[in-house]
Each structure stands twice: as C-alpha cells, then as structure tokens.
PDB file of N, CA and C in Angstrom:
ATOM      1  N   UNK A   1     -24.409  -7.328  -7.756  1.00  0.00           N
ATOM      2  CA  UNK A   1     -23.489  -8.220  -7.448  1.00  0.00           C
ATOM      3  C   UNK A   1     -22.640  -7.893  -6.168  1.00  0.00           C
ATOM      4  N   UNK A   2     -22.691  -8.882  -5.212  1.00  0.00           N
ATOM      5  CA  UNK A   2     -22.131  -8.571  -3.806  1.00  0.00           C
ATOM      6  C   UNK A   2     -20.837  -9.463  -3.687  1.00  0.00           C
ATOM      7  N   UNK A   3     -19.752  -8.893  -3.191  1.00  0.00           N
ATOM      8  CA  UNK A   3     -18.597  -9.672  -2.821  1.00  0.00           C
ATOM      9  C   UNK A   3     -18.410 -10.020  -1.495  1.00  0.00           C
ATOM     10  N   UNK A   4     -18.285 -11.154  -1.088  1.00  0.00           N
ATOM     11  CA  UNK A   4     -18.335 -11.703   0.252  1.00  0.00           C
ATOM     12  C   UNK A   4     -16.935 -11.406   0.934  1.00  0.00           C
ATOM     13  N   UNK A   5     -16.930 -11.575   2.149  1.00  0.00           N
ATOM     14  CA  UNK A   5     -15.823 -11.265   3.006  1.00  0.00           C
ATOM     15  C   UNK A   5     -14.437 -12.179   2.587  1.00  0.00           C
ATOM     16  N   UNK A   6     -14.718 -13.558   2.051  1.00  0.00           N
ATOM     17  CA  UNK A   6     -13.741 -14.305   1.842  1.00  0.00           C
ATOM     18  C   UNK A   6     -12.815 -13.650   0.476  1.00  0.00           C
ATOM     19  N   UNK A   7     -13.616 -13.203  -0.325  1.00  0.00           N
ATOM     20  CA  UNK A   7     -12.873 -12.570  -1.557  1.00  0.00           C
ATOM     21  C   UNK A   7     -12.183 -11.296  -1.121  1.00  0.00           C
ATOM     22  N   UNK A   8     -12.738 -10.526  -0.214  1.00  0.00           N
ATOM     23  CA  UNK A   8     -12.096  -9.388   0.438  1.00  0.00           C
ATOM     24  C   UNK A   8     -10.776  -9.729   0.989  1.00  0.00           C
ATOM     25  N   UNK A   9     -10.860 -10.836   1.796  1.00  0.00           N
ATOM     26  CA  UNK A   9      -9.668 -11.484   2.531  1.00  0.00           C
ATOM     27  C   UNK A   9      -8.587 -11.780   1.509  1.00  0.00           C
ATOM     28  N   UNK A  10      -9.002 -12.523   0.430  1.00  0.00           N
ATOM     29  CA  UNK A  10      -8.082 -12.934  -0.603  1.00  0.00           C
ATOM     30  C   UNK A  10      -7.451 -11.586  -1.263  1.00  0.00           C
ATOM     31  N   UNK A  11      -8.211 -10.458  -1.586  1.00  0.00           N
ATOM     32  CA  UNK A  11      -7.811  -9.220  -2.105  1.00  0.00           C
ATOM     33  C   UNK A  11      -6.579  -8.548  -1.240  1.00  0.00           C
ATOM     34  N   UNK A  12      -7.087  -8.815   0.150  1.00  0.00           N
ATOM     35  CA  UNK A  12      -5.988  -8.088   1.089  1.00  0.00           C
ATOM     36  C   UNK A  12      -4.688  -8.778   1.168  1.00  0.00           C
ATOM     37  N   UNK A  13      -4.782 -10.259   1.173  1.00  0.00           N
ATOM     38  CA  UNK A  13      -3.570 -10.936   1.029  1.00  0.00           C
ATOM     39  C   UNK A  13      -2.665 -10.752  -0.199  1.00  0.00           C
ATOM     40  N   UNK A  14      -3.351 -10.619  -1.423  1.00  0.00           N
ATOM     41  CA  UNK A  14      -2.679 -10.281  -2.463  1.00  0.00           C
ATOM     42  C   UNK A  14      -1.856  -8.910  -2.574  1.00  0.00           C
ATOM     43  N   UNK A  15      -2.761  -8.027  -2.035  1.00  0.00           N
ATOM     44  CA  UNK A  15      -2.231  -6.606  -1.938  1.00  0.00           C
ATOM     45  C   UNK A  15      -0.954  -6.454  -0.872  1.00  0.00           C
ATOM     46  N   UNK A  16      -1.149  -7.176   0.279  1.00  0.00           N
ATOM     47  CA  UNK A  16      -0.045  -7.497   1.356  1.00  0.00           C
ATOM     48  C   UNK A  16       1.106  -8.138   0.723  1.00  0.00           C
ATOM     49  N   UNK A  17       0.947  -9.106  -0.130  1.00  0.00           N
ATOM     50  CA  UNK A  17       2.218  -9.875  -0.723  1.00  0.00           C
ATOM     51  C   UNK A  17       2.804  -8.736  -1.730  1.00  0.00           C
ATOM     52  N   UNK A  18       2.036  -8.120  -2.450  1.00  0.00           N
ATOM     53  CA  UNK A  18       2.473  -7.053  -3.310  1.00  0.00           C
ATOM     54  C   UNK A  18       3.462  -5.935  -2.762  1.00  0.00           C
ATOM     55  N   UNK A  19       3.011  -5.519  -1.555  1.00  0.00           N
ATOM     56  CA  UNK A  19       3.643  -4.778  -0.655  1.00  0.00           C
ATOM     57  C   UNK A  19       5.105  -5.228  -0.173  1.00  0.00           C
ATOM     58  N   UNK A  20       5.208  -6.432  -0.021  1.00  0.00           N
ATOM     59  CA  UNK A  20       6.367  -7.058   0.531  1.00  0.00           C
ATOM     60  C   UNK A  20       7.604  -6.810  -0.280  1.00  0.00           C
ATOM     61  N   UNK A  21       7.463  -7.167  -1.444  1.00  0.00           N
ATOM     62  CA  UNK A  21       8.796  -7.091  -2.189  1.00  0.00           C
ATOM     63  C   UNK A  21       9.354  -5.474  -2.361  1.00  0.00           C
ATOM     64  N   UNK A  22       8.522  -4.485  -2.594  1.00  0.00           N
ATOM     65  CA  UNK A  22       9.204  -3.213  -2.745  1.00  0.00           C
ATOM     66  C   UNK A  22       9.575  -2.688  -1.339  1.00  0.00           C
ATOM     67  N   UNK A  23       8.841  -3.177  -0.429  1.00  0.00           N
ATOM     68  CA  UNK A  23       9.263  -2.682   0.982  1.00  0.00           C
ATOM     69  C   UNK A  23      10.505  -3.474   1.432  1.00  0.00           C
ATOM     70  N   UNK A  24      11.011  -4.597   1.229  1.00  0.00           N
ATOM     71  CA  UNK A  24      12.134  -5.105   1.484  1.00  0.00           C
ATOM     72  C   UNK A  24      13.358  -4.654   0.657  1.00  0.00           C
ATOM     73  N   UNK A  25      13.139  -4.332  -0.500  1.00  0.00           N
ATOM     74  CA  UNK A  25      14.207  -3.739  -1.468  1.00  0.00           C
ATOM     75  C   UNK A  25      14.261  -2.386  -0.891  1.00  0.00           C
ATOM     76  N   UNK A  26      13.336  -1.566  -0.513  1.00  0.00           N
ATOM     77  CA  UNK A  26      13.461  -0.083  -0.076  1.00  0.00           C
ATOM     78  C   UNK A  26      14.340  -0.114   1.494  1.00  0.00           C
ATOM     79  N   UNK A  27      14.406  -1.270   1.993  1.00  0.00           N
ATOM     80  CA  UNK A  27      15.265  -1.086   3.259  1.00  0.00           C
ATOM     81  C   UNK A  27      16.706  -1.237   2.968  1.00  0.00           C
ATOM     82  N   UNK A  28      17.179  -1.452   1.700  1.00  0.00           N
ATOM     83  CA  UNK A  28      18.584  -1.382   1.330  1.00  0.00           C
ATOM     84  C   UNK A  28      19.049   0.089   1.505  1.00  0.00           C
ATOM     85  N   UNK A  29      20.480   0.090   1.586  1.00  0.00           N
ATOM     86  CA  UNK A  29      20.976   1.444   1.808  1.00  0.00           C
ATOM     87  C   UNK A  29      20.698   2.317   0.464  1.00  0.00           C
ATOM     88  N   UNK A  30      20.927   1.853  -0.642  1.00  0.00           N
ATOM     89  CA  UNK A  30      20.655   2.618  -1.896  1.00  0.00           C
ATOM     90  C   UNK A  30      19.702   1.871  -2.817  1.00  0.00           C
ATOM     91  N   UNK A  31      18.413   2.098  -2.463  1.00  0.00           N
ATOM     92  CA  UNK A  31      17.335   1.363  -3.217  1.00  0.00           C
ATOM     93  C   UNK A  31      17.305   1.989  -4.801  1.00  0.00           C
ATOM     94  N   UNK A  32      16.934   0.956  -5.660  1.00  0.00           N
ATOM     95  CA  UNK A  32      16.722   1.476  -6.957  1.00  0.00           C
ATOM     96  C   UNK A  32      15.397   2.258  -7.215  1.00  0.00           C
ATOM     97  N   UNK A  33      15.363   2.841  -8.184  1.00  0.00           N
ATOM     98  CA  UNK A  33      14.059   3.665  -8.572  1.00  0.00           C
ATOM     99  C   UNK A  33      12.945   2.831  -8.739  1.00  0.00           C
ATOM    100  N   UNK A  34      12.938   1.669  -9.415  1.00  0.00           N
ATOM    101  CA  UNK A  34      11.829   0.790  -9.559  1.00  0.00           C
ATOM    102  C   UNK A  34      11.105   0.424  -8.328  1.00  0.00           C
ATOM    103  N   UNK A  35      12.104   0.182  -7.316  1.00  0.00           N
ATOM    104  CA  UNK A  35      11.444  -0.141  -6.037  1.00  0.00           C
ATOM    105  C   UNK A  35      10.568   1.025  -5.359  1.00  0.00           C
ATOM    106  N   UNK A  36      11.127   2.210  -5.460  1.00  0.00           N
ATOM    107  CA  UNK A  36      10.233   3.476  -5.003  1.00  0.00           C
ATOM    108  C   UNK A  36       8.933   3.700  -5.775  1.00  0.00           C
ATOM    109  N   UNK A  37       9.151   3.411  -7.131  1.00  0.00           N
ATOM    110  CA  UNK A  37       8.073   3.716  -8.089  1.00  0.00           C
ATOM    111  C   UNK A  37       6.751   2.550  -7.590  1.00  0.00           C
ATOM    112  N   UNK A  38       7.399   1.238  -7.561  1.00  0.00           N
ATOM    113  CA  UNK A  38       6.526   0.221  -7.303  1.00  0.00           C
ATOM    114  C   UNK A  38       5.849   0.464  -5.928  1.00  0.00           C
ATOM    115  N   UNK A  39       6.701   0.792  -5.064  1.00  0.00           N
ATOM    116  CA  UNK A  39       6.053   1.094  -3.756  1.00  0.00           C
ATOM    117  C   UNK A  39       5.013   1.952  -3.839  1.00  0.00           C
ATOM    118  N   UNK A  40       5.172   3.193  -4.497  1.00  0.00           N
ATOM    119  CA  UNK A  40       4.107   4.235  -4.522  1.00  0.00           C
ATOM    120  C   UNK A  40       2.966   3.641  -5.246  1.00  0.00           C
ATOM    121  N   UNK A  41       2.902   2.749  -6.148  1.00  0.00           N
ATOM    122  CA  UNK A  41       2.001   2.270  -6.962  1.00  0.00           C
ATOM    123  C   UNK A  41       1.218   1.303  -6.063  1.00  0.00           C
ATOM    124  N   UNK A  42       1.883   0.561  -5.245  1.00  0.00           N
ATOM    125  CA  UNK A  42       1.212  -0.676  -4.437  1.00  0.00           C
ATOM    126  C   UNK A  42       0.581   0.089  -3.174  1.00  0.00           C
ATOM    127  N   UNK A  43       1.191   1.118  -2.737  1.00  0.00           N
ATOM    128  CA  UNK A  43       0.638   1.980  -1.511  1.00  0.00           C
ATOM    129  C   UNK A  43      -0.731   2.534  -1.867  1.00  0.00           C
ATOM    130  N   UNK A  44      -0.667   3.127  -3.290  1.00  0.00           N
ATOM    131  CA  UNK A  44      -1.871   3.812  -3.757  1.00  0.00           C
ATOM    132  C   UNK A  44      -2.968   2.872  -3.836  1.00  0.00           C
ATOM    133  N   UNK A  45      -2.655   1.532  -4.622  1.00  0.00           N
ATOM    134  CA  UNK A  45      -3.581   0.470  -4.580  1.00  0.00           C
ATOM    135  C   UNK A  45      -4.187   0.088  -3.164  1.00  0.00           C
ATOM    136  N   UNK A  46      -3.242  -0.015  -2.365  1.00  0.00           N
ATOM    137  CA  UNK A  46      -3.738  -0.297  -0.968  1.00  0.00           C
ATOM    138  C   UNK A  46      -4.846   0.676  -0.299  1.00  0.00           C
ATOM    139  N   UNK A  47      -4.320   2.022  -0.548  1.00  0.00           N
ATOM    140  CA  UNK A  47      -5.279   2.950  -0.208  1.00  0.00           C
ATOM    141  C   UNK A  47      -6.712   2.816  -0.743  1.00  0.00           C
ATOM    142  N   UNK A  48      -6.741   2.674  -1.976  1.00  0.00           N
ATOM    143  CA  UNK A  48      -7.937   2.288  -2.729  1.00  0.00           C
ATOM    144  C   UNK A  48      -8.828   1.210  -2.034  1.00  0.00           C
ATOM    145  N   UNK A  49      -8.158   0.201  -1.929  1.00  0.00           N
ATOM    146  CA  UNK A  49      -8.739  -1.012  -1.334  1.00  0.00           C
ATOM    147  C   UNK A  49      -9.211  -0.742  -0.081  1.00  0.00           C
ATOM    148  N   UNK A  50      -8.637   0.059   0.713  1.00  0.00           N
ATOM    149  CA  UNK A  50      -8.977   0.241   2.184  1.00  0.00           C
ATOM    150  C   UNK A  50     -10.240   1.247   2.175  1.00  0.00           C
ATOM    151  N   UNK A  51     -10.304   2.206   1.091  1.00  0.00           N
ATOM    152  CA  UNK A  51     -11.479   3.116   0.919  1.00  0.00           C
ATOM    153  C   UNK A  51     -12.604   2.417   0.551  1.00  0.00           C
ATOM    154  N   UNK A  52     -12.596   1.268  -0.298  1.00  0.00           N
ATOM    155  CA  UNK A  52     -13.702   0.367  -0.638  1.00  0.00           C
ATOM    156  C   UNK A  52     -14.085  -0.455   0.734  1.00  0.00           C
ATOM    157  N   UNK A  53     -13.161  -0.817   1.261  1.00  0.00           N
ATOM    158  CA  UNK A  53     -13.154  -1.626   2.528  1.00  0.00           C
ATOM    159  C   UNK A  53     -14.046  -0.717   3.675  1.00  0.00           C
ATOM    160  N   UNK A  54     -13.991   0.409   3.712  1.00  0.00           N
ATOM    161  CA  UNK A  54     -14.278   1.336   4.531  1.00  0.00           C
ATOM    162  C   UNK A  54     -15.742   1.066   5.264  1.00  0.00           C
ATOM    163  N   UNK A  55     -16.887   0.628   4.554  1.00  0.00           N
ATOM    164  CA  UNK A  55     -18.238   0.354   5.324  1.00  0.00           C
ATOM    165  C   UNK A  55     -18.040  -0.809   6.223  1.00  0.00           C
ATOM    166  N   UNK A  56     -17.191  -1.672   5.895  1.00  0.00           N
ATOM    167  CA  UNK A  56     -17.125  -2.841   6.641  1.00  0.00           C
ATOM    168  C   UNK A  56     -16.295  -2.748   7.980  1.00  0.00           C
ATOM    169  N   UNK A  57     -15.277  -2.154   7.910  1.00  0.00           N
ATOM    170  CA  UNK A  57     -14.235  -1.948   9.058  1.00  0.00           C
ATOM    171  C   UNK A  57     -13.917  -0.506   9.030  1.00  0.00           C
ATOM    172  N   UNK A  58     -14.818   0.481   9.528  1.00  0.00           N
ATOM    173  CA  UNK A  58     -14.254   1.873   9.239  1.00  0.00           C
ATOM    174  C   UNK A  58     -13.071   2.288  10.120  1.00  0.00           C
ATOM    175  N   UNK A  59     -13.037   1.860  11.348  1.00  0.00           N
ATOM    176  CA  UNK A  59     -11.828   2.297  12.131  1.00  0.00           C
ATOM    177  C   UNK A  59     -10.466   1.711  11.549  1.00  0.00           C
ATOM    178  N   UNK A  60     -10.350   0.590  11.188  1.00  0.00           N
ATOM    179  CA  UNK A  60      -9.227  -0.039  10.593  1.00  0.00           C
ATOM    180  C   UNK A  60      -9.058   0.565   9.314  1.00  0.00           C
ATOM    181  N   UNK A  61     -10.049   0.784   8.513  1.00  0.00           N
ATOM    182  CA  UNK A  61      -9.718   1.364   7.131  1.00  0.00           C
ATOM    183  C   UNK A  61      -9.125   2.905   7.338  1.00  0.00           C
ATOM    184  N   UNK A  62      -9.743   3.580   8.209  1.00  0.00           N
ATOM    185  CA  UNK A  62      -9.346   4.997   8.452  1.00  0.00           C
ATOM    186  C   UNK A  62      -7.807   4.879   8.767  1.00  0.00           C
ATOM    187  N   UNK A  63      -7.428   4.050   9.674  1.00  0.00           N
ATOM    188  CA  UNK A  63      -6.224   3.892  10.275  1.00  0.00           C
ATOM    189  C   UNK A  63      -5.020   3.595   9.033  1.00  0.00           C
ATOM    190  N   UNK A  64      -5.598   2.445   8.199  1.00  0.00           N
ATOM    191  CA  UNK A  64      -4.632   2.140   7.217  1.00  0.00           C
ATOM    192  C   UNK A  64      -4.633   3.167   6.081  1.00  0.00           C
ATOM    193  N   UNK A  65      -5.669   3.941   5.809  1.00  0.00           N
ATOM    194  CA  UNK A  65      -5.621   5.054   4.683  1.00  0.00           C
ATOM    195  C   UNK A  65      -4.520   6.137   5.424  1.00  0.00           C
ATOM    196  N   UNK A  66      -4.655   6.502   6.543  1.00  0.00           N
ATOM    197  CA  UNK A  66      -3.752   7.467   6.997  1.00  0.00           C
ATOM    198  C   UNK A  66      -2.221   6.912   7.051  1.00  0.00           C
ATOM    199  N   UNK A  67      -2.091   5.661   7.470  1.00  0.00           N
ATOM    200  CA  UNK A  67      -0.699   5.090   7.294  1.00  0.00           C
ATOM    201  C   UNK A  67      -0.244   5.085   5.953  1.00  0.00           C
ATOM    202  N   UNK A  68      -1.020   4.661   4.958  1.00  0.00           N
ATOM    203  CA  UNK A  68      -0.602   4.603   3.584  1.00  0.00           C
ATOM    204  C   UNK A  68      -0.336   6.028   3.114  1.00  0.00           C
ATOM    205  N   UNK A  69      -0.971   7.109   3.592  1.00  0.00           N
ATOM    206  CA  UNK A  69      -0.666   8.371   3.183  1.00  0.00           C
ATOM    207  C   UNK A  69       0.704   8.779   3.596  1.00  0.00           C
ATOM    208  N   UNK A  70       0.987   8.452   4.857  1.00  0.00           N
ATOM    209  CA  UNK A  70       2.349   8.826   5.534  1.00  0.00           C
ATOM    210  C   UNK A  70       3.400   8.048   4.723  1.00  0.00           C
ATOM    211  N   UNK A  71       3.182   6.746   4.420  1.00  0.00           N
ATOM    212  CA  UNK A  71       4.254   6.081   3.751  1.00  0.00           C
ATOM    213  C   UNK A  71       4.235   6.579   2.097  1.00  0.00           C
ATOM    214  N   UNK A  72       3.319   6.956   1.484  1.00  0.00           N
ATOM    215  CA  UNK A  72       3.444   7.634   0.291  1.00  0.00           C
ATOM    216  C   UNK A  72       4.005   8.867   0.388  1.00  0.00           C
ATOM    217  N   UNK A  73       3.938   9.714   1.374  1.00  0.00           N
ATOM    218  CA  UNK A  73       4.519  11.088   1.443  1.00  0.00           C
ATOM    219  C   UNK A  73       6.121  10.739   1.622  1.00  0.00           C
ATOM    220  N   UNK A  74       6.354   9.817   2.524  1.00  0.00           N
ATOM    221  CA  UNK A  74       7.675   9.591   2.676  1.00  0.00           C
ATOM    222  C   UNK A  74       8.432   9.022   1.470  1.00  0.00           C
ATOM    223  N   UNK A  75       7.736   8.254   0.561  1.00  0.00           N
ATOM    224  CA  UNK A  75       8.347   7.716  -0.577  1.00  0.00           C
ATOM    225  C   UNK A  75       8.722   8.827  -1.460  1.00  0.00           C
ATOM    226  N   UNK A  76       7.648   9.816  -1.691  1.00  0.00           N
ATOM    227  CA  UNK A  76       7.839  10.930  -2.653  1.00  0.00           C
ATOM    228  C   UNK A  76       8.783  11.910  -2.227  1.00  0.00           C
ATOM    229  N   UNK A  77       8.724  12.332  -0.896  1.00  0.00           N
ATOM    230  CA  UNK A  77       9.679  13.389  -0.441  1.00  0.00           C
ATOM    231  C   UNK A  77      11.305  12.871  -0.280  1.00  0.00           C
ATOM    232  N   UNK A  78      11.368  11.589  -0.287  1.00  0.00           N
ATOM    233  CA  UNK A  78      12.903  11.135  -0.179  1.00  0.00           C
ATOM    234  C   UNK A  78      13.273  10.698  -1.525  1.00  0.00           C
ATOM    235  N   UNK A  79      12.789  10.961  -2.504  1.00  0.00           N
ATOM    236  CA  UNK A  79      13.114  10.658  -3.852  1.00  0.00           C
ATOM    237  C   UNK A  79      14.288  11.755  -4.375  1.00  0.00           C
ATOM    238  N   UNK A  80      15.363  11.178  -4.633  1.00  0.00           N
ATOM    239  CA  UNK A  80      16.320  12.297  -4.969  1.00  0.00           C
ATOM    240  C   UNK A  80      16.867  11.860  -6.414  1.00  0.00           C
ATOM    241  N   UNK A  81      16.903  12.844  -7.453  1.00  0.00           N
ATOM    242  CA  UNK A  81      17.254  12.655  -8.747  1.00  0.00           C
ATOM    243  C   UNK A  81      18.759  12.831  -8.781  1.00  0.00           C
ATOM    244  N   UNK A  82      19.478  11.822  -8.928  1.00  0.00           N
ATOM    245  CA  UNK A  82      20.883  12.035  -9.238  1.00  0.00           C
ATOM    246  C   UNK A  82      21.373  11.966 -10.713  1.00  0.00           C
TER     247      UNK A  82
END
C-alpha cells in the first residue's frame, strides 16, 4: 500500500497544528508541566514523521530532525522540579 503526497501533506498539517498549542503555552513566563510534556511528545512524533518522509525530501527532513532534536533537548534540560 502506497501513501500519496496529499495524505503526507495532511499528516504534516495535523502535526504542525498539534505543535502550535504547547508551543504557545511554553512561551509564557511560568509554563505548566503538561505543556512541556506534550511538547516533548509532539516533537518526538514530528521527528518520527520526518524520518518516514526522508526518502521524499532528504535535505528538508534532515534539517527538521536536527531542529526537533535541538527543541527536544531544550525542553528536557530546562525542566526544573520544584
């Protein structure tokens, strides 16, 4: 079974919309823990989607995986348990 580019475009739009909510909440001064956790889940999902997309757009996928790893690292390292 093959998935065409229209379906992949829809998947990318859904993942992008899912990234928006935690991203906006994380911009607050004191973000809640759920936003950080959801952000890590969504960025991890985005990295997986980009790895699957790698054969179609290799340069873009590699750039997005690197950006995702940087964002994931920032979310993990700035987590403080109070």
